[in-house]
Amino acid sequence: MTRRYFIGYFDHEDDILGVSKAVCKAGFSVADVYAPYALHGLDRAIGLAPSKLPWVCFLLGLLGAAFKVWFEFWTTAQDWPINVGGKPWNSLPAFVPVTFEVMVLCAGLSTVFAFFFVSRLWPGKKPRLLDPAVTDDRFALVLEATDATYDPRLLEGIFQQFHVVRVEERVEERKV
């Protein structure tokens, strides 16, 4: 299976934000944007849906806290009840500080692992750079030719309006 990509390189973040909005408005699909740092508003410019990572963080943090409260209640009141200073075995206020710490730990670790899983960043993965300058001071917009309406001349015209440095077209063979 072959895929065709149209890549434009830019020097300024205003140009990459403008061209991203323009190509999305023209109906082209953005495959990726490479930048040396995070660009505010880029996700809205290329039409990305909001991240589900905050929900993963919240739910797994809550699940970790609930499991910890159950485990502490089970160990102190069910499995090994010890009377310490005449306090009740199931004293929930005593569980609060540790529960909070466990909740933060579970939420943080689950968010990191979910991020690595979703972005496919596993150990030993080789980086795929379009140009070494995209890690320093250059921005790159990658468009994928998805249908017959793909017109390189129209795209190059849009790119020229936003001070494109270089334009290239790549064809990749994808192993199935």
N, C-alpha and C. Protein backbone atom coordinates (compact mmCIF):
# COMPACT_ATOMS: atom_id res chain seq x y z
N MET A 1 0.83 -1.16 0.00
CA MET A 1 0.00 0.00 0.00
C MET A 1 0.89 1.24 0.00
N THR A 2 0.65 2.15 -0.91
CA THR A 2 1.44 3.37 -0.96
C THR A 2 0.65 4.55 -0.42
N ARG A 3 1.37 5.45 0.21
CA ARG A 3 0.77 6.68 0.74
C ARG A 3 1.57 7.86 0.22
N ARG A 4 0.85 8.90 -0.17
CA ARG A 4 1.50 10.12 -0.66
C ARG A 4 1.34 11.21 0.38
N TYR A 5 2.45 11.86 0.68
CA TYR A 5 2.46 12.95 1.64
C TYR A 5 2.97 14.22 0.98
N PHE A 6 2.43 15.33 1.39
CA PHE A 6 2.84 16.65 0.92
C PHE A 6 3.32 17.40 2.17
N ILE A 7 4.59 17.82 2.17
CA ILE A 7 5.21 18.39 3.36
C ILE A 7 5.66 19.82 3.08
N GLY A 8 5.30 20.72 3.96
CA GLY A 8 5.75 22.10 3.87
C GLY A 8 6.52 22.48 5.12
N TYR A 9 7.65 23.17 4.94
CA TYR A 9 8.50 23.58 6.05
C TYR A 9 8.38 25.09 6.23
N PHE A 10 8.26 25.53 7.48
CA PHE A 10 8.06 26.93 7.80
C PHE A 10 9.02 27.36 8.90
N ASP A 11 9.31 28.69 8.95
CA ASP A 11 10.24 29.22 9.94
C ASP A 11 9.56 29.82 11.16
N HIS A 12 8.29 30.22 11.05
CA HIS A 12 7.64 30.94 12.14
C HIS A 12 6.36 30.22 12.57
N GLU A 13 6.05 30.32 13.86
CA GLU A 13 4.87 29.64 14.38
C GLU A 13 3.58 30.26 13.88
N ASP A 14 3.57 31.56 13.61
CA ASP A 14 2.36 32.18 13.05
C ASP A 14 2.03 31.61 11.68
N ASP A 15 3.08 31.33 10.91
CA ASP A 15 2.87 30.75 9.57
C ASP A 15 2.29 29.35 9.66
N ILE A 16 2.80 28.53 10.58
CA ILE A 16 2.31 27.15 10.68
C ILE A 16 0.87 27.13 11.19
N LEU A 17 0.53 28.03 12.11
CA LEU A 17 -0.85 28.10 12.59
C LEU A 17 -1.78 28.56 11.49
N GLY A 18 -1.36 29.57 10.72
CA GLY A 18 -2.20 30.08 9.63
C GLY A 18 -2.41 29.06 8.52
N VAL A 19 -1.32 28.39 8.11
CA VAL A 19 -1.45 27.43 7.03
C VAL A 19 -2.25 26.20 7.48
N SER A 20 -2.15 25.85 8.75
CA SER A 20 -2.94 24.72 9.27
C SER A 20 -4.43 25.01 9.17
N LYS A 21 -4.81 26.22 9.56
CA LYS A 21 -6.22 26.61 9.45
C LYS A 21 -6.66 26.65 8.00
N ALA A 22 -5.80 27.19 7.13
CA ALA A 22 -6.16 27.34 5.71
C ALA A 22 -6.35 26.00 5.01
N VAL A 23 -5.45 25.03 5.25
CA VAL A 23 -5.59 23.74 4.56
C VAL A 23 -6.77 22.95 5.11
N CYS A 24 -7.06 23.09 6.40
CA CYS A 24 -8.25 22.41 6.94
C CYS A 24 -9.52 23.02 6.37
N LYS A 25 -9.52 24.33 6.22
CA LYS A 25 -10.68 25.00 5.64
C LYS A 25 -10.86 24.61 4.18
N ALA A 26 -9.74 24.33 3.49
CA ALA A 26 -9.81 23.91 2.08
C ALA A 26 -10.21 22.45 1.93
N GLY A 27 -10.28 21.70 3.05
CA GLY A 27 -10.76 20.32 3.00
C GLY A 27 -9.69 19.26 2.94
N PHE A 28 -8.43 19.60 3.20
CA PHE A 28 -7.36 18.62 3.19
C PHE A 28 -7.20 18.03 4.59
N SER A 29 -6.69 16.79 4.66
CA SER A 29 -6.50 16.15 5.96
C SER A 29 -5.04 16.29 6.40
N VAL A 30 -4.87 16.81 7.60
CA VAL A 30 -3.54 17.00 8.18
C VAL A 30 -3.11 15.69 8.83
N ALA A 31 -1.99 15.15 8.37
CA ALA A 31 -1.49 13.91 8.94
C ALA A 31 -0.71 14.18 10.22
N ASP A 32 0.10 15.25 10.24
CA ASP A 32 0.89 15.56 11.42
C ASP A 32 1.48 16.96 11.29
N VAL A 33 1.86 17.52 12.43
CA VAL A 33 2.55 18.79 12.48
C VAL A 33 3.76 18.59 13.38
N TYR A 34 4.93 18.96 12.90
CA TYR A 34 6.15 18.85 13.68
C TYR A 34 6.58 20.25 14.09
N ALA A 35 6.92 20.42 15.38
CA ALA A 35 7.34 21.71 15.90
C ALA A 35 8.38 21.49 16.98
N PRO A 36 9.30 22.45 17.16
CA PRO A 36 10.31 22.30 18.21
C PRO A 36 9.77 22.52 19.61
N TYR A 37 8.58 23.08 19.73
CA TYR A 37 7.95 23.30 21.03
C TYR A 37 6.44 23.29 20.85
N ALA A 38 5.71 23.24 21.96
CA ALA A 38 4.25 23.18 21.89
C ALA A 38 3.68 24.50 21.38
N LEU A 39 2.71 24.40 20.49
CA LEU A 39 2.06 25.58 19.92
C LEU A 39 0.63 25.68 20.46
N HIS A 40 0.34 26.76 21.13
CA HIS A 40 -1.01 26.95 21.66
C HIS A 40 -1.97 27.26 20.53
N GLY A 41 -3.08 26.53 20.49
CA GLY A 41 -4.08 26.74 19.46
C GLY A 41 -3.92 25.85 18.24
N LEU A 42 -2.84 25.07 18.18
CA LEU A 42 -2.62 24.20 17.02
C LEU A 42 -3.66 23.09 16.97
N ASP A 43 -4.04 22.56 18.12
CA ASP A 43 -5.04 21.48 18.14
C ASP A 43 -6.37 21.96 17.56
N ARG A 44 -6.77 23.18 17.89
CA ARG A 44 -8.01 23.72 17.31
C ARG A 44 -7.83 24.04 15.83
N ALA A 45 -6.63 24.48 15.45
CA ALA A 45 -6.39 24.85 14.05
C ALA A 45 -6.51 23.64 13.12
N ILE A 46 -6.07 22.46 13.57
CA ILE A 46 -6.14 21.28 12.70
C ILE A 46 -7.34 20.40 13.02
N GLY A 47 -8.19 20.84 13.94
CA GLY A 47 -9.44 20.14 14.21
C GLY A 47 -9.31 18.88 15.04
N LEU A 48 -8.34 18.84 15.95
CA LEU A 48 -8.23 17.67 16.83
C LEU A 48 -9.30 17.71 17.91
N ALA A 49 -9.80 16.56 18.24
CA ALA A 49 -10.77 16.45 19.33
C ALA A 49 -10.04 16.63 20.66
N PRO A 50 -10.74 17.10 21.69
CA PRO A 50 -10.09 17.23 23.01
C PRO A 50 -9.58 15.87 23.50
N SER A 51 -8.51 15.92 24.25
CA SER A 51 -7.88 14.71 24.76
C SER A 51 -8.77 14.02 25.80
N LYS A 52 -8.72 12.70 25.82
CA LYS A 52 -9.44 11.93 26.82
C LYS A 52 -8.53 11.58 28.00
N LEU A 53 -7.30 12.07 27.97
CA LEU A 53 -6.35 11.78 29.03
C LEU A 53 -6.79 12.29 30.41
N PRO A 54 -7.42 13.48 30.54
CA PRO A 54 -7.90 13.89 31.86
C PRO A 54 -8.92 12.92 32.46
N TRP A 55 -9.76 12.32 31.61
CA TRP A 55 -10.74 11.35 32.11
C TRP A 55 -10.05 10.08 32.58
N VAL A 56 -9.01 9.66 31.87
CA VAL A 56 -8.24 8.49 32.29
C VAL A 56 -7.61 8.77 33.65
N CYS A 57 -7.03 9.96 33.80
CA CYS A 57 -6.41 10.36 35.06
C CYS A 57 -7.42 10.35 36.20
N PHE A 58 -8.57 10.96 35.97
CA PHE A 58 -9.60 11.04 37.01
C PHE A 58 -10.13 9.66 37.39
N LEU A 59 -10.51 8.87 36.41
CA LEU A 59 -11.12 7.57 36.70
C LEU A 59 -10.15 6.60 37.37
N LEU A 60 -8.91 6.53 36.89
CA LEU A 60 -7.96 5.59 37.49
C LEU A 60 -7.47 6.09 38.85
N GLY A 61 -7.41 7.40 39.05
CA GLY A 61 -7.11 7.93 40.38
C GLY A 61 -8.21 7.59 41.37
N LEU A 62 -9.46 7.75 40.94
CA LEU A 62 -10.61 7.41 41.79
C LEU A 62 -10.65 5.91 42.08
N LEU A 63 -10.36 5.10 41.06
CA LEU A 63 -10.34 3.66 41.25
C LEU A 63 -9.23 3.25 42.23
N GLY A 64 -8.04 3.87 42.12
CA GLY A 64 -6.96 3.58 43.05
C GLY A 64 -7.31 3.96 44.47
N ALA A 65 -7.97 5.13 44.64
CA ALA A 65 -8.37 5.57 45.99
C ALA A 65 -9.42 4.63 46.57
N ALA A 66 -10.39 4.22 45.75
CA ALA A 66 -11.44 3.32 46.24
C ALA A 66 -10.84 1.96 46.64
N PHE A 67 -9.92 1.45 45.81
CA PHE A 67 -9.28 0.17 46.15
C PHE A 67 -8.49 0.29 47.44
N LYS A 68 -7.79 1.41 47.63
CA LYS A 68 -6.99 1.61 48.83
C LYS A 68 -7.87 1.69 50.08
N VAL A 69 -9.00 2.42 49.99
CA VAL A 69 -9.91 2.51 51.14
C VAL A 69 -10.47 1.13 51.47
N TRP A 70 -10.87 0.39 50.45
CA TRP A 70 -11.38 -0.97 50.69
C TRP A 70 -10.31 -1.83 51.33
N PHE A 71 -9.08 -1.77 50.82
CA PHE A 71 -8.00 -2.61 51.34
C PHE A 71 -7.67 -2.25 52.79
N GLU A 72 -7.60 -0.95 53.08
CA GLU A 72 -7.27 -0.55 54.45
C GLU A 72 -8.41 -0.91 55.41
N PHE A 73 -9.64 -0.73 54.98
CA PHE A 73 -10.78 -1.13 55.82
C PHE A 73 -10.75 -2.64 56.05
N TRP A 74 -10.49 -3.41 55.01
CA TRP A 74 -10.46 -4.87 55.13
C TRP A 74 -9.35 -5.32 56.08
N THR A 75 -8.15 -4.71 55.94
CA THR A 75 -7.05 -5.14 56.79
C THR A 75 -7.24 -4.74 58.24
N THR A 76 -7.80 -3.53 58.51
CA THR A 76 -7.91 -3.08 59.90
C THR A 76 -9.18 -3.58 60.59
N ALA A 77 -10.25 -3.79 59.86
CA ALA A 77 -11.51 -4.17 60.51
C ALA A 77 -11.91 -5.62 60.28
N GLN A 78 -11.43 -6.27 59.24
CA GLN A 78 -11.87 -7.62 58.91
C GLN A 78 -10.77 -8.66 59.16
N ASP A 79 -9.63 -8.48 58.49
CA ASP A 79 -8.61 -9.53 58.49
C ASP A 79 -7.76 -9.52 59.75
N TRP A 80 -7.35 -8.37 60.23
CA TRP A 80 -6.44 -8.30 61.36
C TRP A 80 -6.87 -7.17 62.29
N PRO A 81 -8.03 -7.28 62.96
CA PRO A 81 -8.49 -6.19 63.83
C PRO A 81 -7.66 -6.11 65.11
N ILE A 82 -7.01 -5.00 65.31
CA ILE A 82 -6.21 -4.77 66.52
C ILE A 82 -6.75 -3.51 67.19
N ASN A 83 -7.02 -3.59 68.47
CA ASN A 83 -7.51 -2.44 69.21
C ASN A 83 -6.31 -1.59 69.64
N VAL A 84 -6.18 -0.41 69.00
CA VAL A 84 -5.08 0.48 69.30
C VAL A 84 -5.64 1.73 69.98
N GLY A 85 -5.41 1.89 71.25
CA GLY A 85 -5.83 3.08 71.98
C GLY A 85 -7.34 3.22 72.09
N GLY A 86 -8.08 2.17 71.95
CA GLY A 86 -9.53 2.22 72.09
C GLY A 86 -10.23 2.83 70.89
N LYS A 87 -9.53 3.03 69.77
CA LYS A 87 -10.14 3.60 68.57
C LYS A 87 -10.92 2.53 67.82
N PRO A 88 -11.94 2.93 67.10
CA PRO A 88 -12.69 1.93 66.32
C PRO A 88 -11.84 1.37 65.18
N TRP A 89 -12.15 0.15 64.77
CA TRP A 89 -11.38 -0.51 63.72
C TRP A 89 -11.59 0.13 62.35
N ASN A 90 -12.77 0.62 62.12
CA ASN A 90 -13.06 1.17 60.80
C ASN A 90 -13.09 2.71 60.82
N SER A 91 -12.05 3.32 61.33
CA SER A 91 -11.98 4.77 61.46
C SER A 91 -11.58 5.40 60.12
N LEU A 92 -12.57 5.81 59.36
CA LEU A 92 -12.31 6.38 58.03
C LEU A 92 -11.49 7.68 58.05
N PRO A 93 -11.64 8.58 59.03
CA PRO A 93 -10.79 9.79 59.01
C PRO A 93 -9.30 9.47 59.05
N ALA A 94 -8.92 8.37 59.65
CA ALA A 94 -7.50 8.00 59.69
C ALA A 94 -7.00 7.56 58.32
N PHE A 95 -7.92 7.17 57.43
CA PHE A 95 -7.52 6.69 56.10
C PHE A 95 -7.30 7.83 55.10
N VAL A 96 -7.77 9.04 55.40
CA VAL A 96 -7.81 10.13 54.41
C VAL A 96 -6.43 10.53 53.88
N PRO A 97 -5.41 10.81 54.73
CA PRO A 97 -4.13 11.27 54.16
C PRO A 97 -3.49 10.26 53.21
N VAL A 98 -3.46 9.01 53.62
CA VAL A 98 -2.83 8.00 52.78
C VAL A 98 -3.67 7.75 51.52
N THR A 99 -4.99 7.83 51.65
CA THR A 99 -5.86 7.66 50.48
C THR A 99 -5.58 8.73 49.44
N PHE A 100 -5.41 9.96 49.89
CA PHE A 100 -5.10 11.04 48.95
C PHE A 100 -3.78 10.78 48.23
N GLU A 101 -2.77 10.35 48.96
CA GLU A 101 -1.46 10.09 48.34
C GLU A 101 -1.54 8.94 47.33
N VAL A 102 -2.27 7.91 47.67
CA VAL A 102 -2.42 6.77 46.75
C VAL A 102 -3.21 7.19 45.51
N MET A 103 -4.22 8.04 45.70
CA MET A 103 -5.00 8.53 44.56
C MET A 103 -4.12 9.33 43.60
N VAL A 104 -3.27 10.20 44.14
CA VAL A 104 -2.37 11.00 43.30
C VAL A 104 -1.37 10.09 42.59
N LEU A 105 -0.85 9.11 43.29
CA LEU A 105 0.09 8.17 42.68
C LEU A 105 -0.55 7.40 41.53
N CYS A 106 -1.74 6.84 41.77
CA CYS A 106 -2.43 6.07 40.73
C CYS A 106 -2.79 6.95 39.54
N ALA A 107 -3.27 8.16 39.80
CA ALA A 107 -3.64 9.07 38.72
C ALA A 107 -2.43 9.45 37.89
N GLY A 108 -1.33 9.77 38.54
CA GLY A 108 -0.12 10.17 37.82
C GLY A 108 0.47 9.04 36.99
N LEU A 109 0.62 7.88 37.59
CA LEU A 109 1.20 6.74 36.86
C LEU A 109 0.30 6.30 35.70
N SER A 110 -1.00 6.26 35.95
CA SER A 110 -1.90 5.84 34.88
C SER A 110 -1.91 6.83 33.73
N THR A 111 -1.79 8.12 34.03
CA THR A 111 -1.74 9.12 32.97
C THR A 111 -0.48 8.97 32.13
N VAL A 112 0.64 8.75 32.77
CA VAL A 112 1.90 8.56 32.03
C VAL A 112 1.83 7.32 31.15
N PHE A 113 1.37 6.21 31.70
CA PHE A 113 1.28 4.98 30.91
C PHE A 113 0.26 5.10 29.78
N ALA A 114 -0.86 5.75 30.05
CA ALA A 114 -1.87 5.95 28.99
C ALA A 114 -1.32 6.83 27.89
N PHE A 115 -0.57 7.87 28.24
CA PHE A 115 0.04 8.74 27.24
C PHE A 115 1.03 7.96 26.37
N PHE A 116 1.89 7.17 26.99
CA PHE A 116 2.84 6.36 26.23
C PHE A 116 2.13 5.38 25.31
N PHE A 117 1.06 4.78 25.79
CA PHE A 117 0.32 3.80 25.00
C PHE A 117 -0.37 4.47 23.81
N VAL A 118 -1.04 5.59 24.05
CA VAL A 118 -1.78 6.26 22.98
C VAL A 118 -0.83 6.83 21.92
N SER A 119 0.29 7.39 22.35
CA SER A 119 1.21 7.97 21.37
C SER A 119 2.24 6.98 20.85
N ARG A 120 2.09 5.72 21.23
CA ARG A 120 2.95 4.63 20.75
C ARG A 120 4.43 4.90 21.02
N LEU A 121 4.73 5.41 22.21
CA LEU A 121 6.11 5.67 22.60
C LEU A 121 6.57 4.56 23.53
N TRP A 122 7.15 3.53 22.97
CA TRP A 122 7.64 2.43 23.78
C TRP A 122 9.16 2.39 23.68
N PRO A 123 9.80 1.72 24.62
CA PRO A 123 11.27 1.68 24.61
C PRO A 123 11.81 1.07 23.33
N GLY A 124 12.84 1.67 22.78
CA GLY A 124 13.47 1.16 21.58
C GLY A 124 12.87 1.68 20.29
N LYS A 125 11.85 2.52 20.37
CA LYS A 125 11.24 3.05 19.15
C LYS A 125 12.18 4.06 18.51
N LYS A 126 12.39 3.90 17.23
CA LYS A 126 13.28 4.80 16.48
C LYS A 126 12.53 6.07 16.10
N PRO A 127 13.15 7.23 16.27
CA PRO A 127 12.48 8.47 15.86
C PRO A 127 12.40 8.59 14.35
N ARG A 128 11.31 9.19 13.89
CA ARG A 128 11.13 9.39 12.45
C ARG A 128 11.06 10.90 12.21
N LEU A 129 12.19 11.46 11.83
CA LEU A 129 12.27 12.90 11.60
C LEU A 129 12.19 13.21 10.12
N LEU A 130 11.43 14.22 9.80
CA LEU A 130 11.36 14.68 8.42
C LEU A 130 12.62 15.45 8.05
N ASP A 131 13.05 16.28 8.97
CA ASP A 131 14.20 17.16 8.76
C ASP A 131 14.80 17.41 10.14
N PRO A 132 16.12 17.35 10.29
CA PRO A 132 16.71 17.57 11.62
C PRO A 132 16.40 18.95 12.20
N ALA A 133 16.06 19.91 11.37
CA ALA A 133 15.78 21.27 11.86
C ALA A 133 14.45 21.38 12.61
N VAL A 134 13.55 20.40 12.47
CA VAL A 134 12.27 20.50 13.18
C VAL A 134 12.44 20.33 14.69
N THR A 135 13.60 19.85 15.14
CA THR A 135 13.84 19.79 16.57
C THR A 135 14.49 21.07 17.09
N ASP A 136 14.91 21.97 16.20
CA ASP A 136 15.59 23.21 16.61
C ASP A 136 14.74 24.45 16.37
N ASP A 137 14.48 24.74 15.09
CA ASP A 137 13.86 26.03 14.78
C ASP A 137 12.94 26.00 13.56
N ARG A 138 12.53 24.85 13.13
CA ARG A 138 11.71 24.76 11.93
C ARG A 138 10.42 24.04 12.24
N PHE A 139 9.37 24.38 11.52
CA PHE A 139 8.06 23.77 11.67
C PHE A 139 7.72 23.03 10.38
N ALA A 140 7.04 21.91 10.49
CA ALA A 140 6.66 21.14 9.30
C ALA A 140 5.20 20.74 9.40
N LEU A 141 4.51 20.88 8.28
CA LEU A 141 3.11 20.46 8.16
C LEU A 141 3.05 19.33 7.16
N VAL A 142 2.49 18.19 7.57
CA VAL A 142 2.41 17.01 6.72
C VAL A 142 0.95 16.76 6.37
N LEU A 143 0.66 16.74 5.08
CA LEU A 143 -0.68 16.45 4.59
C LEU A 143 -0.66 15.11 3.87
N GLU A 144 -1.72 14.35 4.04
CA GLU A 144 -1.80 13.05 3.37
C GLU A 144 -2.80 13.13 2.22
N ALA A 145 -2.39 12.60 1.07
CA ALA A 145 -3.29 12.55 -0.09
C ALA A 145 -4.25 11.39 0.13
N THR A 146 -5.49 11.71 0.45
CA THR A 146 -6.45 10.67 0.80
C THR A 146 -7.43 10.34 -0.31
N ASP A 147 -7.63 11.25 -1.26
CA ASP A 147 -8.61 10.99 -2.31
C ASP A 147 -8.19 11.67 -3.61
N ALA A 148 -9.06 11.64 -4.60
CA ALA A 148 -8.73 12.16 -5.92
C ALA A 148 -8.75 13.68 -5.98
N THR A 149 -9.27 14.36 -4.98
CA THR A 149 -9.30 15.82 -4.99
C THR A 149 -7.97 16.43 -4.58
N TYR A 150 -7.00 15.62 -4.28
CA TYR A 150 -5.68 16.08 -3.87
C TYR A 150 -5.01 16.79 -5.04
N ASP A 151 -4.69 18.08 -4.86
CA ASP A 151 -4.08 18.89 -5.91
C ASP A 151 -2.81 19.55 -5.36
N PRO A 152 -1.62 19.07 -5.75
CA PRO A 152 -0.38 19.64 -5.22
C PRO A 152 -0.19 21.12 -5.57
N ARG A 153 -0.66 21.54 -6.74
CA ARG A 153 -0.50 22.95 -7.12
C ARG A 153 -1.33 23.87 -6.23
N LEU A 154 -2.53 23.43 -5.88
CA LEU A 154 -3.37 24.22 -4.99
C LEU A 154 -2.73 24.31 -3.60
N LEU A 155 -2.21 23.19 -3.12
CA LEU A 155 -1.55 23.19 -1.82
C LEU A 155 -0.32 24.08 -1.82
N GLU A 156 0.46 24.01 -2.87
CA GLU A 156 1.65 24.86 -2.94
C GLU A 156 1.27 26.33 -2.96
N GLY A 157 0.18 26.66 -3.61
CA GLY A 157 -0.30 28.04 -3.61
C GLY A 157 -0.70 28.50 -2.22
N ILE A 158 -1.38 27.62 -1.47
CA ILE A 158 -1.76 27.96 -0.09
C ILE A 158 -0.50 28.12 0.77
N PHE A 159 0.45 27.22 0.58
CA PHE A 159 1.69 27.29 1.36
C PHE A 159 2.46 28.58 1.07
N GLN A 160 2.48 29.03 -0.18
CA GLN A 160 3.22 30.24 -0.55
C GLN A 160 2.66 31.47 0.16
N GLN A 161 1.37 31.48 0.44
CA GLN A 161 0.77 32.62 1.15
C GLN A 161 1.32 32.75 2.57
N PHE A 162 1.84 31.67 3.10
CA PHE A 162 2.32 31.67 4.49
C PHE A 162 3.83 31.50 4.58
N HIS A 163 4.56 31.98 3.60
CA HIS A 163 6.03 32.05 3.62
C HIS A 163 6.68 30.68 3.81
N VAL A 164 6.32 29.74 2.97
CA VAL A 164 6.89 28.40 3.06
C VAL A 164 8.37 28.46 2.69
N VAL A 165 9.19 27.70 3.41
CA VAL A 165 10.63 27.65 3.15
C VAL A 165 10.92 26.61 2.08
N ARG A 166 10.29 25.44 2.22
CA ARG A 166 10.53 24.34 1.28
C ARG A 166 9.29 23.47 1.24
N VAL A 167 9.01 22.93 0.07
CA VAL A 167 7.88 22.03 -0.13
C VAL A 167 8.41 20.75 -0.76
N GLU A 168 7.93 19.62 -0.28
CA GLU A 168 8.32 18.35 -0.90
C GLU A 168 7.15 17.38 -0.87
N GLU A 169 7.21 16.45 -1.79
CA GLU A 169 6.18 15.41 -1.87
C GLU A 169 6.89 14.07 -1.70
N ARG A 170 6.34 13.23 -0.81
CA ARG A 170 6.94 11.92 -0.56
C ARG A 170 5.92 10.83 -0.81
N VAL A 171 6.43 9.71 -1.32
CA VAL A 171 5.62 8.51 -1.49
C VAL A 171 6.26 7.43 -0.63
N GLU A 172 5.45 6.87 0.27
CA GLU A 172 5.93 5.84 1.18
C GLU A 172 5.25 4.52 0.89
N GLU A 173 6.04 3.47 0.86
CA GLU A 173 5.51 2.12 0.78
C GLU A 173 5.28 1.63 2.20
N ARG A 174 4.06 1.26 2.48
CA ARG A 174 3.73 0.77 3.81
C ARG A 174 3.59 -0.74 3.77
N LYS A 175 4.28 -1.40 4.68
CA LYS A 175 4.21 -2.86 4.74
C LYS A 175 2.93 -3.26 5.46
N VAL A 176 2.20 -4.17 4.86
CA VAL A 176 0.93 -4.62 5.45
C VAL A 176 1.13 -5.93 6.13
